[in-house]
N, C-alpha and C. Protein backbone atom coordinates (compact mmCIF):
# COMPACT_ATOMS: atom_id res chain seq x y z
N MET A 1 6.75 45.84 48.39
CA MET A 1 7.40 45.87 47.08
C MET A 1 7.01 44.61 46.30
N LYS A 2 6.71 44.80 45.00
CA LYS A 2 6.32 43.66 44.19
C LYS A 2 7.52 42.74 43.93
N SER A 3 7.22 41.50 43.58
CA SER A 3 8.27 40.53 43.29
C SER A 3 9.05 40.96 42.05
N ILE A 4 10.36 40.95 42.15
CA ILE A 4 11.22 41.39 41.05
C ILE A 4 12.12 40.24 40.61
N ASP A 5 12.21 40.05 39.31
CA ASP A 5 13.11 39.06 38.73
C ASP A 5 14.31 39.83 38.16
N PRO A 6 15.41 39.90 38.90
CA PRO A 6 16.55 40.69 38.44
C PRO A 6 17.15 40.19 37.13
N GLU A 7 17.10 38.88 36.90
CA GLU A 7 17.63 38.34 35.65
C GLU A 7 16.82 38.83 34.46
N ARG A 8 15.50 38.85 34.62
CA ARG A 8 14.62 39.32 33.54
C ARG A 8 14.82 40.81 33.30
N LEU A 9 14.98 41.57 34.38
CA LEU A 9 15.21 43.00 34.27
C LEU A 9 16.53 43.28 33.56
N LEU A 10 17.56 42.53 33.92
CA LEU A 10 18.86 42.70 33.30
C LEU A 10 18.81 42.33 31.82
N GLU A 11 18.07 41.27 31.50
CA GLU A 11 17.92 40.85 30.11
C GLU A 11 17.29 41.98 29.28
N CYS A 12 16.26 42.61 29.84
CA CYS A 12 15.59 43.72 29.15
C CYS A 12 16.57 44.88 28.93
N CYS A 13 17.34 45.20 29.96
CA CYS A 13 18.32 46.29 29.85
C CYS A 13 19.36 45.99 28.77
N MET A 14 19.80 44.75 28.71
CA MET A 14 20.78 44.37 27.70
C MET A 14 20.21 44.50 26.30
N GLU A 15 18.95 44.11 26.17
CA GLU A 15 18.32 44.19 24.85
C GLU A 15 18.14 45.65 24.42
N LEU A 16 17.72 46.49 25.35
CA LEU A 16 17.55 47.90 25.04
C LEU A 16 18.89 48.58 24.75
N HIS A 17 19.95 48.07 25.34
CA HIS A 17 21.28 48.62 25.09
C HIS A 17 21.65 48.53 23.61
N ALA A 18 21.09 47.56 22.90
CA ALA A 18 21.37 47.41 21.47
C ALA A 18 21.00 48.67 20.70
N LEU A 19 20.02 49.43 21.20
CA LEU A 19 19.58 50.64 20.51
C LEU A 19 20.67 51.71 20.50
N THR A 20 21.62 51.63 21.41
CA THR A 20 22.72 52.59 21.42
C THR A 20 23.75 52.27 20.34
N LYS A 21 23.68 51.06 19.78
CA LYS A 21 24.64 50.64 18.75
C LYS A 21 24.02 50.58 17.37
N LEU A 22 22.69 50.56 17.31
CA LEU A 22 21.98 50.41 16.03
C LEU A 22 21.87 51.76 15.33
N ARG A 23 22.50 51.88 14.17
CA ARG A 23 22.48 53.15 13.42
C ARG A 23 21.14 53.35 12.73
N ARG A 24 20.73 54.60 12.62
CA ARG A 24 19.48 54.94 11.93
C ARG A 24 19.70 54.77 10.42
N THR A 25 18.92 53.88 9.82
CA THR A 25 19.14 53.47 8.44
C THR A 25 18.98 54.61 7.44
N GLY A 26 18.02 55.49 7.67
CA GLY A 26 17.81 56.59 6.72
C GLY A 26 19.05 57.45 6.54
N TRP A 27 19.76 57.68 7.63
CA TRP A 27 20.98 58.49 7.54
C TRP A 27 22.08 57.73 6.80
N LEU A 28 22.15 56.43 7.03
CA LEU A 28 23.16 55.63 6.34
C LEU A 28 22.92 55.66 4.82
N LEU A 29 21.65 55.56 4.41
CA LEU A 29 21.32 55.61 2.99
C LEU A 29 21.61 56.98 2.40
N ALA A 30 21.56 58.02 3.25
CA ALA A 30 21.87 59.37 2.79
C ALA A 30 23.37 59.64 2.77
N GLY A 31 24.16 58.63 3.15
CA GLY A 31 25.61 58.76 3.07
C GLY A 31 26.27 59.36 4.28
N VAL A 32 25.59 59.30 5.44
CA VAL A 32 26.16 59.88 6.65
C VAL A 32 27.09 58.87 7.33
N PRO A 33 28.37 59.19 7.45
CA PRO A 33 29.28 58.30 8.18
C PRO A 33 29.05 58.47 9.68
N GLU A 34 29.14 57.39 10.41
CA GLU A 34 28.94 57.44 11.86
C GLU A 34 27.61 58.12 12.21
N ALA A 35 26.54 57.65 11.57
CA ALA A 35 25.21 58.23 11.80
C ALA A 35 24.75 58.00 13.23
N GLU A 36 23.79 58.81 13.65
CA GLU A 36 23.24 58.68 15.00
C GLU A 36 22.65 57.29 15.20
N SER A 37 22.62 56.85 16.44
CA SER A 37 21.99 55.58 16.77
C SER A 37 20.52 55.79 17.08
N VAL A 38 19.78 54.72 17.14
CA VAL A 38 18.37 54.79 17.53
C VAL A 38 18.27 55.38 18.94
N GLY A 39 19.19 54.99 19.81
CA GLY A 39 19.22 55.53 21.16
C GLY A 39 19.45 57.04 21.18
N ASP A 40 20.35 57.51 20.29
CA ASP A 40 20.59 58.95 20.18
C ASP A 40 19.30 59.68 19.81
N HIS A 41 18.60 59.12 18.84
CA HIS A 41 17.35 59.72 18.36
C HIS A 41 16.33 59.82 19.49
N CYS A 42 16.16 58.75 20.25
CA CYS A 42 15.17 58.75 21.33
C CYS A 42 15.54 59.77 22.41
N PHE A 43 16.80 59.81 22.77
CA PHE A 43 17.25 60.76 23.79
C PHE A 43 17.03 62.19 23.34
N GLU A 44 17.45 62.50 22.11
CA GLU A 44 17.37 63.88 21.64
C GLU A 44 15.91 64.31 21.47
N ALA A 45 15.05 63.40 21.03
CA ALA A 45 13.63 63.71 20.91
C ALA A 45 13.04 64.03 22.27
N ALA A 46 13.46 63.30 23.30
CA ALA A 46 13.00 63.57 24.66
C ALA A 46 13.45 64.95 25.13
N VAL A 47 14.67 65.33 24.78
CA VAL A 47 15.18 66.66 25.14
C VAL A 47 14.33 67.74 24.48
N PHE A 48 14.02 67.55 23.20
CA PHE A 48 13.17 68.52 22.49
C PHE A 48 11.81 68.65 23.17
N ALA A 49 11.25 67.53 23.61
CA ALA A 49 9.94 67.56 24.25
C ALA A 49 9.98 68.39 25.54
N ILE A 50 11.03 68.21 26.33
CA ILE A 50 11.16 68.99 27.57
C ILE A 50 11.27 70.48 27.25
N LEU A 51 12.11 70.82 26.29
CA LEU A 51 12.31 72.23 25.95
C LEU A 51 11.04 72.85 25.39
N LEU A 52 10.32 72.11 24.55
CA LEU A 52 9.06 72.63 24.01
C LEU A 52 8.04 72.85 25.11
N SER A 53 7.94 71.88 26.03
CA SER A 53 6.95 71.97 27.10
C SER A 53 7.17 73.19 27.98
N LYS A 54 8.41 73.63 28.10
CA LYS A 54 8.73 74.78 28.95
C LYS A 54 8.42 76.11 28.27
N GLN A 55 8.19 76.07 26.96
CA GLN A 55 7.86 77.30 26.24
C GLN A 55 6.35 77.45 26.03
N GLU A 56 5.63 76.35 26.12
CA GLU A 56 4.20 76.36 25.82
C GLU A 56 3.36 76.49 27.08
N GLU A 57 2.29 77.25 27.00
CA GLU A 57 1.36 77.37 28.12
C GLU A 57 0.27 76.30 27.99
N VAL A 58 0.66 75.08 28.27
CA VAL A 58 -0.26 73.96 28.14
C VAL A 58 -0.01 72.99 29.28
N ASP A 59 -1.07 72.39 29.78
CA ASP A 59 -0.96 71.43 30.87
C ASP A 59 -0.64 70.06 30.29
N VAL A 60 0.57 69.60 30.51
CA VAL A 60 1.00 68.33 29.94
C VAL A 60 1.76 67.52 30.98
N ASP A 61 1.52 66.21 30.98
CA ASP A 61 2.25 65.30 31.87
C ASP A 61 3.55 64.93 31.17
N ILE A 62 4.61 65.67 31.46
CA ILE A 62 5.87 65.48 30.74
C ILE A 62 6.46 64.10 31.02
N GLY A 63 6.14 63.52 32.16
CA GLY A 63 6.64 62.17 32.45
C GLY A 63 6.11 61.16 31.46
N ARG A 64 4.84 61.29 31.10
CA ARG A 64 4.25 60.39 30.09
C ARG A 64 4.91 60.60 28.73
N VAL A 65 5.15 61.86 28.41
CA VAL A 65 5.77 62.19 27.12
C VAL A 65 7.17 61.58 27.04
N LEU A 66 7.94 61.71 28.10
CA LEU A 66 9.30 61.17 28.09
C LEU A 66 9.31 59.66 27.97
N GLN A 67 8.38 59.00 28.64
CA GLN A 67 8.30 57.55 28.51
C GLN A 67 7.97 57.16 27.06
N MET A 68 7.06 57.88 26.45
CA MET A 68 6.72 57.61 25.05
C MET A 68 7.96 57.71 24.17
N LEU A 69 8.69 58.81 24.33
CA LEU A 69 9.82 59.06 23.44
C LEU A 69 11.02 58.16 23.71
N LEU A 70 11.29 57.90 24.96
CA LEU A 70 12.44 57.05 25.28
C LEU A 70 12.22 55.60 24.87
N PHE A 71 10.94 55.21 24.77
CA PHE A 71 10.64 53.81 24.43
C PHE A 71 9.97 53.64 23.06
N HIS A 72 9.77 54.71 22.30
CA HIS A 72 8.97 54.58 21.09
C HIS A 72 9.64 53.74 20.00
N GLU A 73 10.93 53.52 20.10
CA GLU A 73 11.63 52.68 19.13
C GLU A 73 12.09 51.36 19.76
N VAL A 74 11.51 50.99 20.89
CA VAL A 74 11.96 49.81 21.61
C VAL A 74 11.97 48.56 20.74
N ALA A 75 10.98 48.42 19.87
CA ALA A 75 10.88 47.21 19.04
C ALA A 75 12.06 47.05 18.09
N GLU A 76 12.74 48.15 17.78
CA GLU A 76 13.85 48.07 16.84
C GLU A 76 15.03 47.29 17.39
N ALA A 77 15.02 47.03 18.69
CA ALA A 77 16.04 46.17 19.27
C ALA A 77 15.96 44.77 18.65
N ARG A 78 14.77 44.42 18.12
CA ARG A 78 14.61 43.10 17.49
C ARG A 78 14.38 43.17 15.98
N ILE A 79 13.61 44.17 15.52
CA ILE A 79 13.30 44.20 14.09
C ILE A 79 14.19 45.17 13.32
N THR A 80 15.04 45.89 14.01
CA THR A 80 15.97 46.89 13.47
C THR A 80 15.22 48.10 12.91
N ASP A 81 15.98 49.04 12.40
CA ASP A 81 15.42 50.30 11.90
C ASP A 81 15.18 50.20 10.40
N LEU A 82 13.93 50.34 9.99
CA LEU A 82 13.59 50.28 8.57
C LEU A 82 13.49 51.69 8.01
N PRO A 83 14.06 51.93 6.82
CA PRO A 83 14.02 53.29 6.25
C PRO A 83 12.62 53.62 5.74
N ARG A 84 12.35 54.91 5.57
CA ARG A 84 11.02 55.35 5.13
C ARG A 84 10.64 54.79 3.76
N ARG A 85 11.63 54.52 2.92
CA ARG A 85 11.32 54.01 1.59
C ARG A 85 10.72 52.60 1.62
N SER A 86 10.77 51.96 2.78
CA SER A 86 10.17 50.62 2.91
C SER A 86 8.68 50.69 3.27
N LYS A 87 8.19 51.89 3.54
CA LYS A 87 6.83 52.07 4.07
C LYS A 87 5.75 51.43 3.21
N ASP A 88 5.82 51.64 1.90
CA ASP A 88 4.77 51.11 1.02
C ASP A 88 4.73 49.59 0.97
N TYR A 89 5.80 48.95 1.40
CA TYR A 89 5.87 47.50 1.35
C TYR A 89 5.68 46.85 2.72
N MET A 90 6.03 47.58 3.77
CA MET A 90 6.10 46.98 5.09
C MET A 90 5.18 47.60 6.14
N SER A 91 4.41 48.62 5.77
CA SER A 91 3.70 49.42 6.76
C SER A 91 2.85 48.61 7.73
N GLN A 92 1.92 47.80 7.20
CA GLN A 92 1.04 47.03 8.08
C GLN A 92 1.80 45.99 8.88
N ALA A 93 2.69 45.26 8.21
CA ALA A 93 3.47 44.23 8.90
C ALA A 93 4.38 44.87 9.94
N LYS A 94 4.94 46.04 9.62
CA LYS A 94 5.84 46.73 10.54
C LYS A 94 5.10 47.12 11.81
N ARG A 95 3.90 47.66 11.67
CA ARG A 95 3.12 48.10 12.83
C ARG A 95 2.82 46.92 13.75
N LEU A 96 2.38 45.81 13.16
CA LEU A 96 2.08 44.62 13.95
C LEU A 96 3.35 44.06 14.59
N GLY A 97 4.42 44.00 13.80
CA GLY A 97 5.67 43.47 14.30
C GLY A 97 6.24 44.30 15.44
N GLU A 98 6.13 45.62 15.32
CA GLU A 98 6.63 46.49 16.37
C GLU A 98 5.87 46.29 17.68
N THR A 99 4.56 46.15 17.56
CA THR A 99 3.74 45.96 18.76
C THR A 99 4.09 44.65 19.46
N GLU A 100 4.19 43.58 18.68
CA GLU A 100 4.49 42.28 19.26
C GLU A 100 5.91 42.24 19.85
N ALA A 101 6.86 42.83 19.15
CA ALA A 101 8.24 42.86 19.65
C ALA A 101 8.33 43.67 20.94
N ALA A 102 7.66 44.81 20.98
CA ALA A 102 7.68 45.64 22.19
C ALA A 102 7.08 44.90 23.38
N LYS A 103 5.99 44.18 23.13
CA LYS A 103 5.36 43.41 24.21
C LYS A 103 6.31 42.35 24.76
N ASP A 104 7.04 41.68 23.86
CA ASP A 104 7.97 40.64 24.31
C ASP A 104 9.18 41.24 25.04
N ILE A 105 9.70 42.33 24.53
CA ILE A 105 10.88 42.95 25.14
C ILE A 105 10.57 43.46 26.54
N LEU A 106 9.39 44.06 26.71
CA LEU A 106 9.04 44.70 27.98
C LEU A 106 8.24 43.79 28.92
N SER A 107 7.99 42.57 28.49
CA SER A 107 7.19 41.64 29.29
C SER A 107 7.78 41.43 30.68
N GLY A 108 6.93 41.61 31.70
CA GLY A 108 7.36 41.38 33.07
C GLY A 108 8.23 42.47 33.65
N VAL A 109 8.48 43.52 32.87
CA VAL A 109 9.37 44.59 33.31
C VAL A 109 8.69 45.96 33.28
N ALA A 110 8.10 46.27 32.12
CA ALA A 110 7.46 47.59 31.97
C ALA A 110 6.31 47.49 30.97
N GLU A 111 5.38 46.61 31.25
CA GLU A 111 4.30 46.34 30.31
C GLU A 111 3.36 47.52 30.12
N ASP A 112 3.30 48.42 31.08
CA ASP A 112 2.44 49.60 30.97
C ASP A 112 2.91 50.55 29.87
N ILE A 113 4.17 50.42 29.46
CA ILE A 113 4.70 51.26 28.39
C ILE A 113 3.95 51.00 27.09
N ILE A 114 3.47 49.78 26.89
CA ILE A 114 2.78 49.43 25.64
C ILE A 114 1.58 50.34 25.41
N ASP A 115 0.81 50.60 26.45
CA ASP A 115 -0.35 51.48 26.31
C ASP A 115 0.07 52.90 25.95
N LEU A 116 1.20 53.34 26.48
CA LEU A 116 1.69 54.68 26.15
C LEU A 116 2.13 54.76 24.68
N LEU A 117 2.72 53.68 24.17
CA LEU A 117 3.14 53.67 22.78
C LEU A 117 1.93 53.69 21.85
N GLU A 118 0.86 53.01 22.25
CA GLU A 118 -0.37 53.03 21.46
C GLU A 118 -0.99 54.43 21.52
N GLU A 119 -0.93 55.05 22.68
CA GLU A 119 -1.43 56.42 22.83
C GLU A 119 -0.67 57.37 21.91
N MET A 120 0.63 57.21 21.85
CA MET A 120 1.44 58.04 20.97
C MET A 120 1.05 57.81 19.52
N HIS A 121 0.82 56.57 19.16
CA HIS A 121 0.44 56.22 17.79
C HIS A 121 -0.89 56.86 17.40
N GLN A 122 -1.82 56.92 18.35
CA GLN A 122 -3.15 57.48 18.07
C GLN A 122 -3.12 59.01 17.94
N LYS A 123 -2.17 59.67 18.60
CA LYS A 123 -1.96 61.12 18.49
C LYS A 123 -3.18 61.95 18.93
N LYS A 124 -3.92 61.46 19.91
CA LYS A 124 -5.12 62.17 20.34
C LYS A 124 -4.92 63.01 21.59
N THR A 125 -4.07 62.57 22.50
CA THR A 125 -3.85 63.31 23.74
C THR A 125 -2.78 64.38 23.53
N VAL A 126 -2.77 65.37 24.42
CA VAL A 126 -1.77 66.42 24.32
C VAL A 126 -0.37 65.85 24.49
N GLU A 127 -0.24 64.83 25.32
CA GLU A 127 1.08 64.19 25.52
C GLU A 127 1.55 63.50 24.24
N ALA A 128 0.64 62.80 23.58
CA ALA A 128 1.00 62.10 22.34
C ALA A 128 1.37 63.10 21.24
N ARG A 129 0.63 64.18 21.17
CA ARG A 129 0.91 65.19 20.14
C ARG A 129 2.25 65.88 20.39
N LEU A 130 2.55 66.14 21.65
CA LEU A 130 3.85 66.74 21.97
C LEU A 130 4.98 65.78 21.63
N ALA A 131 4.77 64.51 21.93
CA ALA A 131 5.79 63.50 21.62
C ALA A 131 6.04 63.43 20.11
N GLU A 132 4.97 63.44 19.33
CA GLU A 132 5.10 63.38 17.88
C GLU A 132 5.79 64.63 17.33
N ALA A 133 5.38 65.79 17.85
CA ALA A 133 5.99 67.04 17.40
C ALA A 133 7.49 67.05 17.70
N ALA A 134 7.86 66.57 18.87
CA ALA A 134 9.26 66.55 19.28
C ALA A 134 10.06 65.55 18.46
N GLU A 135 9.47 64.39 18.20
CA GLU A 135 10.21 63.38 17.43
C GLU A 135 10.50 63.85 16.01
N GLU A 136 9.48 64.39 15.34
CA GLU A 136 9.69 64.86 13.98
C GLU A 136 10.62 66.07 13.93
N LEU A 137 10.56 66.88 14.97
CA LEU A 137 11.45 68.03 15.05
C LEU A 137 12.90 67.56 15.16
N GLN A 138 13.12 66.50 15.93
CA GLN A 138 14.47 65.97 16.08
C GLN A 138 15.03 65.50 14.74
N ILE A 139 14.18 64.93 13.91
CA ILE A 139 14.64 64.43 12.62
C ILE A 139 15.12 65.56 11.72
N ILE A 140 14.32 66.62 11.61
CA ILE A 140 14.75 67.72 10.74
C ILE A 140 15.92 68.48 11.36
N PHE A 141 15.96 68.52 12.68
CA PHE A 141 17.12 69.13 13.35
C PHE A 141 18.38 68.36 13.00
N ARG A 142 18.31 67.04 13.07
CA ARG A 142 19.50 66.23 12.78
C ARG A 142 19.92 66.39 11.33
N SER A 143 18.96 66.53 10.42
CA SER A 143 19.32 66.76 9.01
C SER A 143 20.07 68.08 8.86
N MET A 144 19.64 69.10 9.61
CA MET A 144 20.34 70.39 9.58
C MET A 144 21.77 70.24 10.10
N VAL A 145 21.92 69.48 11.18
CA VAL A 145 23.25 69.25 11.75
C VAL A 145 24.16 68.57 10.74
N TYR A 146 23.65 67.53 10.08
CA TYR A 146 24.47 66.81 9.10
C TYR A 146 24.80 67.69 7.90
N ALA A 147 23.84 68.52 7.47
CA ALA A 147 24.10 69.44 6.35
C ALA A 147 25.19 70.43 6.74
N LYS A 148 25.13 70.93 7.97
CA LYS A 148 26.13 71.88 8.46
C LYS A 148 27.51 71.24 8.47
N GLU A 149 27.55 69.96 8.84
CA GLU A 149 28.82 69.25 8.94
C GLU A 149 29.25 68.61 7.63
N CYS A 150 28.47 68.84 6.56
CA CYS A 150 28.76 68.25 5.24
C CYS A 150 28.87 66.74 5.31
N ARG A 151 27.91 66.14 6.00
CA ARG A 151 27.89 64.68 6.16
C ARG A 151 26.64 64.13 5.48
N GLY A 152 26.80 63.59 4.28
CA GLY A 152 25.69 62.99 3.56
C GLY A 152 24.87 64.01 2.79
N ASP A 153 23.91 63.51 2.04
CA ASP A 153 23.03 64.33 1.22
C ASP A 153 21.72 64.58 1.97
N MET A 154 21.52 65.79 2.42
CA MET A 154 20.34 66.14 3.21
C MET A 154 19.26 66.84 2.40
N SER A 155 19.40 66.87 1.08
CA SER A 155 18.45 67.61 0.25
C SER A 155 17.03 67.05 0.36
N GLU A 156 16.90 65.76 0.62
CA GLU A 156 15.57 65.15 0.76
C GLU A 156 14.78 65.76 1.92
N TYR A 157 15.48 66.25 2.91
CA TYR A 157 14.82 66.68 4.15
C TYR A 157 14.20 68.07 4.05
N ARG A 158 14.38 68.73 2.90
CA ARG A 158 13.61 69.95 2.65
C ARG A 158 12.11 69.63 2.75
N ARG A 159 11.72 68.50 2.19
CA ARG A 159 10.31 68.12 2.20
C ARG A 159 9.83 67.85 3.62
N ASP A 160 10.69 67.31 4.46
CA ASP A 160 10.30 67.06 5.85
C ASP A 160 10.01 68.37 6.57
N VAL A 161 10.81 69.39 6.27
CA VAL A 161 10.57 70.70 6.87
C VAL A 161 9.26 71.28 6.35
N GLU A 162 9.06 71.19 5.04
CA GLU A 162 7.84 71.73 4.42
C GLU A 162 6.58 71.05 4.96
N ASN A 163 6.69 69.75 5.20
CA ASN A 163 5.52 68.98 5.64
C ASN A 163 5.44 68.81 7.16
N TYR A 164 6.30 69.50 7.89
CA TYR A 164 6.34 69.32 9.33
C TYR A 164 5.01 69.69 9.99
N ASP A 165 4.53 68.82 10.85
CA ASP A 165 3.29 69.02 11.59
C ASP A 165 3.64 69.38 13.03
N ASP A 166 3.28 70.59 13.45
CA ASP A 166 3.62 71.01 14.81
C ASP A 166 2.61 70.54 15.85
N PHE A 167 1.54 69.87 15.41
CA PHE A 167 0.52 69.33 16.30
C PHE A 167 -0.03 70.36 17.27
N GLY A 168 -0.09 71.61 16.81
CA GLY A 168 -0.70 72.66 17.63
C GLY A 168 0.24 73.34 18.61
N PHE A 169 1.54 73.11 18.48
CA PHE A 169 2.51 73.74 19.38
C PHE A 169 3.26 74.83 18.61
N PRO A 170 2.91 76.10 18.83
CA PRO A 170 3.52 77.20 18.07
C PRO A 170 5.04 77.25 18.17
N THR A 171 5.59 76.90 19.32
CA THR A 171 7.05 76.93 19.48
C THR A 171 7.71 75.92 18.54
N ALA A 172 7.07 74.77 18.38
CA ALA A 172 7.61 73.76 17.48
C ALA A 172 7.64 74.28 16.05
N ARG A 173 6.60 75.01 15.66
CA ARG A 173 6.55 75.59 14.32
C ARG A 173 7.67 76.62 14.13
N LEU A 174 7.86 77.48 15.12
CA LEU A 174 8.91 78.49 15.04
C LEU A 174 10.29 77.84 14.90
N LEU A 175 10.50 76.79 15.68
CA LEU A 175 11.79 76.10 15.64
C LEU A 175 11.98 75.38 14.31
N ALA A 176 10.92 74.78 13.80
CA ALA A 176 10.99 74.10 12.50
C ALA A 176 11.32 75.09 11.39
N ASN A 177 10.72 76.27 11.45
CA ASN A 177 11.02 77.29 10.45
C ASN A 177 12.48 77.73 10.52
N ALA A 178 12.99 77.88 11.74
CA ALA A 178 14.39 78.27 11.91
C ALA A 178 15.32 77.18 11.38
N ILE A 179 14.96 75.93 11.65
CA ILE A 179 15.75 74.80 11.14
C ILE A 179 15.74 74.80 9.62
N GLY A 180 14.56 75.04 9.04
CA GLY A 180 14.44 75.05 7.58
C GLY A 180 15.31 76.11 6.93
N GLU A 181 15.37 77.28 7.55
CA GLU A 181 16.21 78.35 7.01
C GLU A 181 17.69 77.98 7.06
N LYS A 182 18.10 77.42 8.18
CA LYS A 182 19.50 76.99 8.30
C LYS A 182 19.82 75.86 7.33
N LEU A 183 18.90 74.90 7.23
CA LEU A 183 19.12 73.78 6.32
C LEU A 183 19.31 74.27 4.90
N GLU A 184 18.47 75.21 4.48
CA GLU A 184 18.58 75.73 3.12
C GLU A 184 19.91 76.44 2.90
N GLN A 185 20.37 77.16 3.91
CA GLN A 185 21.66 77.83 3.79
C GLN A 185 22.78 76.82 3.61
N TYR A 186 22.74 75.75 4.40
CA TYR A 186 23.81 74.76 4.33
C TYR A 186 23.75 73.94 3.04
N LEU A 187 22.53 73.74 2.51
CA LEU A 187 22.40 73.00 1.25
C LEU A 187 22.84 73.84 0.07
N ALA A 188 22.75 75.16 0.22
CA ALA A 188 23.23 76.09 -0.81
C ALA A 188 22.66 75.79 -2.19
N GLY A 189 21.35 75.50 -2.23
CA GLY A 189 20.69 75.27 -3.51
C GLY A 189 20.89 73.89 -4.11
N LYS A 190 21.48 72.98 -3.36
CA LYS A 190 21.72 71.64 -3.89
C LYS A 190 20.40 70.99 -4.28
N PRO A 191 20.29 70.47 -5.52
CA PRO A 191 19.03 69.84 -5.95
C PRO A 191 18.85 68.47 -5.31
N TYR A 192 17.61 68.04 -5.25
CA TYR A 192 17.29 66.73 -4.68
C TYR A 192 17.06 65.72 -5.80
N TRP A 193 17.79 64.63 -5.77
CA TRP A 193 17.61 63.54 -6.72
C TRP A 193 16.92 62.42 -5.96
N GLU A 194 15.67 62.17 -6.30
CA GLU A 194 14.90 61.18 -5.55
C GLU A 194 15.32 59.76 -5.92
N ILE A 195 15.83 59.06 -4.95
CA ILE A 195 16.30 57.69 -5.14
C ILE A 195 15.57 56.78 -4.15
N GLY A 196 15.05 55.66 -4.65
CA GLY A 196 14.46 54.67 -3.75
C GLY A 196 12.94 54.72 -3.64
N TYR A 197 12.30 55.58 -4.47
CA TYR A 197 10.85 55.72 -4.36
C TYR A 197 10.12 55.47 -5.67
N SER A 198 10.83 55.19 -6.76
CA SER A 198 10.17 54.97 -8.06
C SER A 198 9.38 53.67 -8.03
N LYS A 199 8.32 53.63 -8.82
CA LYS A 199 7.44 52.45 -8.90
C LYS A 199 7.32 51.98 -10.34
N ARG A 200 7.24 50.70 -10.53
CA ARG A 200 7.04 50.15 -11.88
C ARG A 200 5.62 50.45 -12.34
N PRO A 201 5.40 50.54 -13.65
CA PRO A 201 4.05 50.77 -14.18
C PRO A 201 3.12 49.61 -13.79
N LYS A 202 1.88 49.93 -13.45
CA LYS A 202 0.92 48.88 -13.07
C LYS A 202 -0.06 48.64 -14.21
């Protein structure tokens, strides 16, 4: 057995525990009270990946997929969750910051996870594509749930359904379509007022 530093392992666990308390910012901006945590998102995305893998006739290492999804937001334990409207201002810095933060958080404990996160980012392997399909599916699913529960304004997420990329998994597409139909029913024609994306004239 390799040498283990229990204090370092415990420190990592404590830091990752913060993800169970950190609320997803996009939902807060949409007016959702008691929004899901980052930890909730990672768990539910992993569940979607398992369910999708069982419907598809494809050879996939589900263990790799689960590691990607359970750890894909690990850096947010330090840099927190940034909403999508920050993308045009923070994209490059965010990517670098996430990589460096993940390396520091997992140092000496699970450093091999870093390569899996990069694999997921590249979206080239079947495992990475399944992870991406499951993660995005979880987001539109959660918007449907909040719309059903009348929690916040979910009208923006019509576009997420329309632009959903199934990454070649037909079951994901079928599920996304079903989510879209339910979301539209719950929104009952509510119009979308775009807030947070306007740009000054250049």
